[in-house]
N, C-alpha and C. Protein backbone atom coordinates (compact mmCIF):
# COMPACT_ATOMS: atom_id res chain seq x y z
N MET A 1 17.28 -43.63 -19.51
CA MET A 1 16.59 -42.78 -20.77
C MET A 1 16.93 -41.42 -20.18
N PRO A 2 16.97 -40.55 -20.96
CA PRO A 2 17.55 -38.99 -21.06
C PRO A 2 16.63 -38.41 -20.34
N GLY A 3 17.15 -37.81 -19.55
CA GLY A 3 16.30 -36.62 -18.44
C GLY A 3 15.36 -35.99 -19.18
N ARG A 4 15.53 -35.24 -20.34
CA ARG A 4 14.57 -34.98 -21.15
C ARG A 4 13.17 -35.72 -20.95
N GLU A 5 13.46 -36.86 -21.00
CA GLU A 5 12.39 -38.29 -20.88
C GLU A 5 12.03 -38.54 -19.91
N SER A 6 12.32 -38.22 -18.66
CA SER A 6 12.44 -38.77 -17.20
C SER A 6 12.27 -37.95 -16.55
N LEU A 7 11.36 -36.68 -17.00
CA LEU A 7 11.46 -35.38 -16.06
C LEU A 7 10.91 -36.03 -14.52
N PRO A 8 10.51 -35.83 -13.62
CA PRO A 8 9.88 -36.05 -12.76
C PRO A 8 8.57 -35.12 -13.10
N SER A 9 7.50 -35.85 -12.02
CA SER A 9 5.97 -34.75 -12.38
C SER A 9 6.09 -33.22 -11.64
N THR A 10 7.22 -33.29 -10.67
CA THR A 10 7.24 -32.07 -9.38
C THR A 10 8.05 -30.69 -10.98
N LEU A 11 8.93 -31.99 -11.24
CA LEU A 11 9.60 -31.02 -12.57
C LEU A 11 9.05 -29.97 -13.44
N LEU A 12 8.11 -30.86 -14.08
CA LEU A 12 7.19 -30.43 -15.08
C LEU A 12 6.69 -29.26 -14.43
N ARG A 13 5.84 -29.03 -13.26
CA ARG A 13 5.38 -27.80 -12.98
C ARG A 13 5.87 -27.04 -12.47
N SER A 14 7.25 -26.96 -12.93
CA SER A 14 8.29 -26.32 -12.73
C SER A 14 8.67 -24.72 -13.15
N PRO A 15 9.42 -24.11 -13.30
CA PRO A 15 10.28 -23.27 -14.33
C PRO A 15 11.25 -24.41 -15.29
N LYS A 16 11.57 -23.82 -16.16
CA LYS A 16 11.79 -24.32 -17.36
C LYS A 16 13.41 -24.47 -16.64
N GLU A 17 13.85 -23.05 -16.27
CA GLU A 17 15.35 -23.29 -15.13
C GLU A 17 15.81 -24.49 -14.63
N ALA A 18 14.79 -24.76 -13.64
CA ALA A 18 14.81 -26.54 -12.75
C ALA A 18 15.01 -27.34 -13.72
N GLN A 19 14.18 -27.52 -14.90
CA GLN A 19 14.21 -28.25 -15.47
C GLN A 19 15.95 -28.65 -16.05
N GLU A 20 16.08 -27.70 -16.73
CA GLU A 20 17.07 -27.81 -17.81
C GLU A 20 18.62 -28.35 -16.36
N THR A 21 17.87 -27.67 -15.09
CA THR A 21 19.29 -28.07 -14.02
C THR A 21 19.30 -29.27 -14.09
N TRP A 22 17.97 -30.24 -13.48
CA TRP A 22 17.95 -31.48 -13.30
C TRP A 22 18.06 -32.20 -14.29
N VAL A 23 17.73 -32.06 -15.69
CA VAL A 23 18.06 -32.63 -17.06
C VAL A 23 19.46 -32.90 -17.24
N LYS A 24 20.56 -31.53 -16.56
CA LYS A 24 21.53 -31.65 -17.58
C LYS A 24 22.55 -32.48 -16.01
N ALA A 25 21.92 -32.65 -15.22
CA ALA A 25 22.65 -33.42 -14.21
C ALA A 25 22.62 -34.70 -14.66
N HIS A 26 21.24 -34.99 -14.39
CA HIS A 26 20.72 -36.67 -14.74
C HIS A 26 21.57 -36.56 -15.95
N ASP A 27 21.32 -36.93 -16.89
CA ASP A 27 22.29 -37.35 -18.05
C ASP A 27 23.67 -36.88 -17.90
N SER A 28 23.97 -35.92 -17.09
CA SER A 28 26.12 -36.22 -16.90
C SER A 28 25.87 -37.50 -15.62
N ALA A 29 24.91 -37.50 -14.85
CA ALA A 29 25.16 -38.79 -14.19
C ALA A 29 25.13 -39.79 -14.58
N ILE A 30 24.04 -39.91 -16.02
CA ILE A 30 24.28 -41.40 -16.31
C ILE A 30 25.42 -41.38 -17.66
N GLU A 31 26.14 -40.65 -17.58
CA GLU A 31 27.46 -41.17 -18.02
C GLU A 31 28.30 -41.96 -16.99
N THR A 32 27.96 -41.30 -15.72
CA THR A 32 29.30 -41.56 -14.69
C THR A 32 28.48 -42.29 -14.30
N TYR A 33 27.75 -43.11 -13.87
CA TYR A 33 26.85 -44.03 -12.96
C TYR A 33 25.90 -44.86 -13.53
N GLY A 34 25.56 -44.51 -14.95
CA GLY A 34 24.47 -45.50 -15.89
C GLY A 34 23.07 -45.20 -15.26
N GLU A 35 22.42 -45.53 -16.06
CA GLU A 35 21.19 -45.10 -15.50
C GLU A 35 20.19 -46.03 -14.19
N GLY A 36 19.16 -45.16 -13.48
CA GLY A 36 19.27 -46.10 -12.24
C GLY A 36 18.95 -44.72 -10.98
N GLU A 37 18.44 -45.38 -10.38
CA GLU A 37 18.44 -44.40 -8.57
C GLU A 37 19.67 -43.84 -9.04
N ARG A 38 20.65 -44.03 -8.66
CA ARG A 38 21.75 -43.03 -8.31
C ARG A 38 21.66 -42.24 -9.23
N ALA A 39 21.23 -41.92 -10.71
CA ALA A 39 21.61 -40.86 -11.72
C ALA A 39 20.20 -40.12 -11.43
N HIS A 40 19.08 -40.16 -10.61
CA HIS A 40 18.19 -39.52 -10.07
C HIS A 40 18.73 -38.39 -8.90
N ARG A 41 19.44 -39.24 -7.94
CA ARG A 41 19.53 -39.08 -6.78
C ARG A 41 20.39 -37.50 -6.81
N THR A 42 21.94 -37.95 -7.78
CA THR A 42 22.33 -37.12 -7.98
C THR A 42 21.54 -35.91 -8.63
N ALA A 43 20.71 -35.48 -9.77
CA ALA A 43 20.29 -34.96 -10.63
C ALA A 43 19.38 -34.16 -9.32
N PHE A 44 18.61 -34.59 -8.19
CA PHE A 44 18.09 -33.81 -7.39
C PHE A 44 19.08 -33.29 -6.63
N SER A 45 20.07 -33.62 -6.23
CA SER A 45 21.07 -33.06 -5.67
C SER A 45 21.56 -31.76 -6.21
N ALA A 46 21.65 -31.81 -7.16
CA ALA A 46 22.12 -30.68 -7.78
C ALA A 46 20.99 -29.79 -8.13
N LEU A 47 19.75 -30.00 -8.18
CA LEU A 47 18.92 -29.52 -8.42
C LEU A 47 18.46 -28.54 -6.66
N LYS A 48 18.72 -29.30 -5.75
CA LYS A 48 18.55 -28.85 -4.79
C LYS A 48 19.40 -27.46 -4.37
N HIS A 49 20.65 -27.35 -4.92
CA HIS A 49 21.35 -25.83 -4.82
C HIS A 49 20.94 -25.04 -4.84
N SER A 50 19.95 -25.01 -5.98
CA SER A 50 19.54 -23.55 -6.63
C SER A 50 18.28 -23.28 -6.01
N PHE A 51 17.44 -24.90 -6.06
CA PHE A 51 15.37 -24.61 -6.19
C PHE A 51 15.60 -25.26 -4.80
N GLU A 52 14.10 -24.61 -4.25
CA GLU A 52 13.59 -25.74 -3.49
C GLU A 52 12.32 -25.76 -3.52
N LYS A 53 11.79 -27.03 -3.09
CA LYS A 53 10.61 -27.09 -3.45
C LYS A 53 9.31 -26.80 -2.83
N VAL A 54 8.40 -26.43 -3.58
CA VAL A 54 7.16 -25.71 -2.89
C VAL A 54 6.07 -25.99 -3.08
N GLY A 55 4.92 -26.93 -1.98
CA GLY A 55 4.02 -27.65 -2.98
C GLY A 55 4.39 -28.28 -3.67
N ASP A 56 3.75 -28.44 -5.35
CA ASP A 56 3.92 -29.44 -5.58
C ASP A 56 5.01 -29.28 -7.32
N HIS A 57 5.84 -27.91 -6.78
CA HIS A 57 6.58 -27.86 -7.86
C HIS A 57 8.22 -27.17 -7.43
N TRP A 58 8.87 -27.16 -8.12
CA TRP A 58 10.18 -26.23 -7.47
C TRP A 58 10.37 -25.00 -7.78
N GLU A 59 11.36 -23.88 -7.06
CA GLU A 59 11.08 -22.33 -7.05
C GLU A 59 12.46 -22.22 -6.75
N ARG A 60 12.64 -20.99 -7.72
CA ARG A 60 14.24 -20.70 -6.88
C ARG A 60 14.49 -20.00 -5.68
N LYS A 61 15.86 -20.71 -4.96
CA LYS A 61 15.72 -20.03 -3.72
C LYS A 61 15.87 -18.64 -3.33
N GLU A 62 15.26 -18.53 -2.00
CA GLU A 62 15.38 -17.23 -2.01
C GLU A 62 16.68 -16.31 -1.89
N GLY A 63 16.52 -15.05 -2.42
CA GLY A 63 17.62 -14.26 -2.62
C GLY A 63 18.51 -14.70 -4.13
N GLY A 64 18.30 -15.71 -5.10
CA GLY A 64 19.19 -16.87 -4.98
C GLY A 64 20.54 -17.02 -4.76
N LYS A 65 20.06 -17.16 -3.47
CA LYS A 65 21.48 -18.20 -2.82
C LYS A 65 21.54 -20.02 -3.59
N ARG A 66 22.71 -20.06 -3.30
CA ARG A 66 23.06 -21.44 -3.39
C ARG A 66 23.62 -21.87 -2.24
N GLY A 67 23.98 -23.35 -2.82
CA GLY A 67 24.47 -24.27 -2.04
C GLY A 67 23.40 -25.74 -1.02
N PRO A 68 23.41 -26.66 -0.63
CA PRO A 68 22.73 -27.34 -0.15
C PRO A 68 22.02 -27.09 0.48
N SER A 69 20.59 -27.75 0.72
CA SER A 69 19.17 -27.59 1.03
C SER A 69 19.25 -28.17 2.54
N ASP A 70 19.79 -29.51 2.54
CA ASP A 70 19.69 -30.37 3.86
C ASP A 70 20.99 -30.99 3.57
N LYS A 71 21.62 -31.51 5.21
CA LYS A 71 22.48 -32.23 4.97
C LYS A 71 22.74 -33.63 4.31
N GLN A 72 22.10 -34.24 3.93
CA GLN A 72 22.22 -35.15 2.93
C GLN A 72 22.78 -34.44 1.67
N ALA A 73 21.95 -33.42 1.27
CA ALA A 73 22.18 -32.93 -0.19
C ALA A 73 23.92 -32.06 0.15
N ALA A 74 24.70 -32.26 1.44
CA ALA A 74 25.48 -31.56 1.67
C ALA A 74 26.81 -33.05 1.31
N ARG A 75 26.53 -33.78 1.67
CA ARG A 75 26.69 -35.00 1.44
C ARG A 75 27.57 -35.66 0.42
N GLY A 76 26.85 -34.80 -0.42
CA GLY A 76 27.12 -35.53 -1.99
C GLY A 76 25.91 -36.10 -2.59
N ALA A 77 25.89 -36.77 -3.79
CA ALA A 77 24.91 -37.65 -3.99
C ALA A 77 25.38 -39.21 -4.43
N GLY A 78 26.68 -39.26 -3.88
CA GLY A 78 27.15 -40.42 -3.77
C GLY A 78 26.94 -41.26 -2.66
N SER A 79 26.35 -40.92 -1.60
CA SER A 79 25.79 -41.00 -0.08
C SER A 79 24.47 -41.44 0.06
N ARG A 80 24.27 -42.59 0.46
CA ARG A 80 22.90 -43.23 0.40
C ARG A 80 22.26 -42.90 2.25
N ARG A 81 23.65 -42.52 2.94
CA ARG A 81 22.91 -42.44 4.22
C ARG A 81 22.35 -41.13 4.43
N GLY A 82 21.35 -40.82 5.56
CA GLY A 82 20.43 -40.03 6.36
C GLY A 82 19.76 -39.71 5.38
N GLU A 83 19.20 -39.03 6.35
CA GLU A 83 17.34 -38.60 5.32
C GLU A 83 17.77 -37.22 4.70
N THR A 84 16.75 -36.77 3.56
CA THR A 84 16.70 -35.51 3.14
C THR A 84 15.62 -34.71 3.69
N ALA A 85 15.28 -33.77 3.22
CA ALA A 85 13.99 -32.76 3.82
C ALA A 85 13.19 -32.83 2.62
N GLY A 86 13.27 -33.57 2.07
CA GLY A 86 12.36 -33.63 0.66
C GLY A 86 12.40 -32.53 -0.64
N GLY A 87 13.38 -31.74 -0.54
CA GLY A 87 13.52 -30.64 -1.05
C GLY A 87 13.31 -29.03 -0.25
N VAL A 88 13.03 -29.42 1.05
CA VAL A 88 13.11 -27.89 1.66
C VAL A 88 14.08 -27.44 1.92
N ASP A 89 14.23 -26.59 1.95
CA ASP A 89 15.93 -25.51 2.03
C ASP A 89 16.09 -25.68 3.87
N THR A 90 16.25 -26.18 4.62
CA THR A 90 16.08 -26.63 5.51
C THR A 90 17.74 -25.23 6.38
N ASN A 91 17.86 -25.54 4.92
CA ASN A 91 19.59 -24.02 5.99
C ASN A 91 18.81 -22.86 5.60
N ALA A 92 17.72 -22.23 5.14
CA ALA A 92 17.21 -21.06 5.16
C ALA A 92 16.91 -20.57 6.27
N SER A 93 16.68 -19.50 6.24
CA SER A 93 16.39 -18.74 7.76
C SER A 93 14.76 -19.29 8.35
N LYS A 94 14.62 -18.79 9.56
CA LYS A 94 12.64 -19.84 10.48
C LYS A 94 12.11 -18.51 9.48
N LYS A 95 12.55 -17.37 9.35
CA LYS A 95 11.44 -16.29 8.60
C LYS A 95 11.00 -16.84 7.41
N HIS A 96 12.04 -17.35 6.75
CA HIS A 96 12.11 -17.77 5.30
C HIS A 96 10.95 -19.47 5.09
N LEU A 97 11.31 -20.31 6.43
CA LEU A 97 10.56 -21.24 6.54
C LEU A 97 8.82 -20.81 6.49
N TYR A 98 8.76 -19.92 7.52
CA TYR A 98 7.46 -19.27 8.30
C TYR A 98 6.50 -18.68 6.84
N ASP A 99 7.63 -17.90 5.85
CA ASP A 99 7.20 -17.26 4.76
C ASP A 99 6.52 -18.46 3.51
N VAL A 100 7.56 -19.35 3.51
CA VAL A 100 6.89 -20.80 2.55
C VAL A 100 5.02 -21.28 3.32
N ALA A 101 5.49 -21.42 4.91
CA ALA A 101 4.49 -22.50 5.43
C ALA A 101 3.15 -21.00 5.43
N LYS A 102 3.81 -20.32 5.31
CA LYS A 102 2.14 -19.14 4.89
C LYS A 102 1.78 -19.62 3.37
N LYS A 103 2.80 -19.39 2.81
CA LYS A 103 2.39 -19.64 1.20
C LYS A 103 1.55 -21.03 1.12
N LEU A 104 1.56 -22.05 1.93
CA LEU A 104 1.27 -23.40 1.85
C LEU A 104 0.04 -23.11 2.79
N ASP A 105 -0.18 -22.36 3.29
CA ASP A 105 -1.22 -22.36 4.24
C ASP A 105 -1.65 -22.93 5.44
N ILE A 106 -0.47 -23.37 6.05
CA ILE A 106 -0.17 -24.45 7.42
C ILE A 106 -0.50 -23.78 8.48
N PRO A 107 -1.48 -24.42 9.02
CA PRO A 107 -2.21 -24.19 10.40
C PRO A 107 -0.92 -24.15 11.42
N GLY A 108 -0.94 -22.95 12.32
CA GLY A 108 -0.22 -23.12 13.55
C GLY A 108 1.04 -22.39 13.17
N ARG A 109 1.34 -21.87 12.22
CA ARG A 109 2.89 -22.02 11.82
C ARG A 109 3.40 -20.72 12.38
N SER A 110 2.37 -19.74 13.53
CA SER A 110 3.51 -19.19 14.12
C SER A 110 3.54 -19.70 15.02
N GLY A 111 3.31 -20.27 15.70
CA GLY A 111 3.90 -20.67 16.93
C GLY A 111 5.33 -21.92 16.69
N MET A 112 5.06 -22.47 16.08
CA MET A 112 6.35 -23.60 15.46
C MET A 112 7.34 -22.85 15.67
N SER A 113 8.58 -23.97 15.63
CA SER A 113 9.99 -24.08 15.68
C SER A 113 11.05 -24.04 14.44
N LYS A 114 11.75 -23.49 13.88
CA LYS A 114 12.53 -24.02 12.78
C LYS A 114 11.97 -25.09 12.12
N GLN A 115 12.56 -26.26 12.89
CA GLN A 115 12.83 -27.76 12.50
C GLN A 115 11.32 -27.98 12.60
N GLU A 116 10.34 -27.50 13.25
CA GLU A 116 8.54 -27.84 12.91
C GLU A 116 8.18 -27.31 12.13
N LEU A 117 8.42 -26.10 11.84
CA LEU A 117 8.18 -25.82 10.22
C LEU A 117 8.66 -26.23 8.99
N ALA A 118 10.08 -26.59 9.04
CA ALA A 118 10.78 -27.03 8.38
C ALA A 118 9.71 -28.86 8.23
N ASP A 119 9.56 -29.71 9.02
CA ASP A 119 8.60 -30.92 8.88
C ASP A 119 7.44 -30.44 8.18
N ALA A 120 6.39 -29.31 8.49
CA ALA A 120 5.31 -29.30 8.45
C ALA A 120 5.14 -28.72 6.64
N VAL A 121 5.69 -27.90 5.98
CA VAL A 121 6.54 -27.87 4.74
C VAL A 121 6.32 -28.87 4.27
N GLN A 122 7.80 -29.79 4.62
CA GLN A 122 7.71 -30.59 3.77
C GLN A 122 6.20 -32.07 3.62
N LYS A 123 5.78 -31.75 4.81
CA LYS A 123 4.44 -32.83 4.41
C LYS A 123 3.61 -31.93 3.78
N ALA A 124 3.12 -30.53 3.87
CA ALA A 124 2.86 -30.23 3.06
C ALA A 124 2.99 -30.14 1.19
N ASN A 125 4.35 -30.15 1.48
CA ASN A 125 4.82 -30.53 -0.04
C ASN A 125 4.24 -32.19 -0.66
N ASP A 126 4.20 -33.02 0.38
CA ASP A 126 3.92 -34.27 -0.22
C ASP A 126 2.35 -34.69 -0.14
N ARG A 127 1.73 -33.88 0.19
CA ARG A 127 0.49 -33.54 0.28
C ARG A 127 0.17 -32.99 -1.00
N ALA A 128 0.68 -31.81 -1.60
CA ALA A 128 0.26 -31.05 -2.80
C ALA A 128 0.84 -32.21 -4.05
N THR A 129 1.77 -32.64 -3.70
CA THR A 129 2.39 -33.13 -4.83
C THR A 129 1.53 -34.55 -5.04
N ALA A 130 1.28 -35.20 -3.90
CA ALA A 130 0.46 -36.28 -4.40
C ALA A 130 -0.95 -36.07 -4.64
N SER A 131 -1.38 -34.77 -4.28
CA SER A 131 -2.70 -34.44 -5.34
C SER A 131 -2.78 -34.13 -6.34
N ALA A 132 -1.60 -33.53 -6.70
CA ALA A 132 -1.12 -33.09 -8.26
C ALA A 132 -0.89 -34.53 -9.44
N ARG A 133 -1.02 -35.07 -8.58
CA ARG A 133 -0.07 -36.60 -9.15
C ARG A 133 -1.58 -37.61 -9.77
N SER A 134 -2.59 -36.93 -8.85
CA SER A 134 -3.16 -38.27 -8.92
C SER A 134 -4.45 -37.06 -10.05
N GLY A 135 -4.19 -35.74 -9.99
CA GLY A 135 -5.26 -34.62 -10.87
C GLY A 135 -6.29 -34.39 -9.87
N ARG A 136 -6.16 -34.50 -8.55
CA ARG A 136 -6.82 -33.79 -8.00
C ARG A 136 -6.67 -32.01 -7.99
């Protein structure tokens, strides 16, 4: 199925540029790997180079910085091993993660380490996405 017809809901709530990035990478991956999970993983890997997940949608990375958002994205789309950060840019500064946590109104953020902030943002993103999908 072409990428435009299989856009994940988080991308439907995201800027057109994020949607186009995902669709282009997805359709290219289908030509290489065929339809399925690998094409979706490849598209998300490409998306994470320029965008990060904030709540229930994707936003351009701070300062237009490009590059992988976590260790798994750095390994490449073909790798199945390792955990992703769910779109959280774990390579960003602690200040940036704090600012995202503030935007998401995460309690206790001022006393968190960088890793704790990344984990809390990921959990908040997951909750926001689940809520948006259920229509709450």
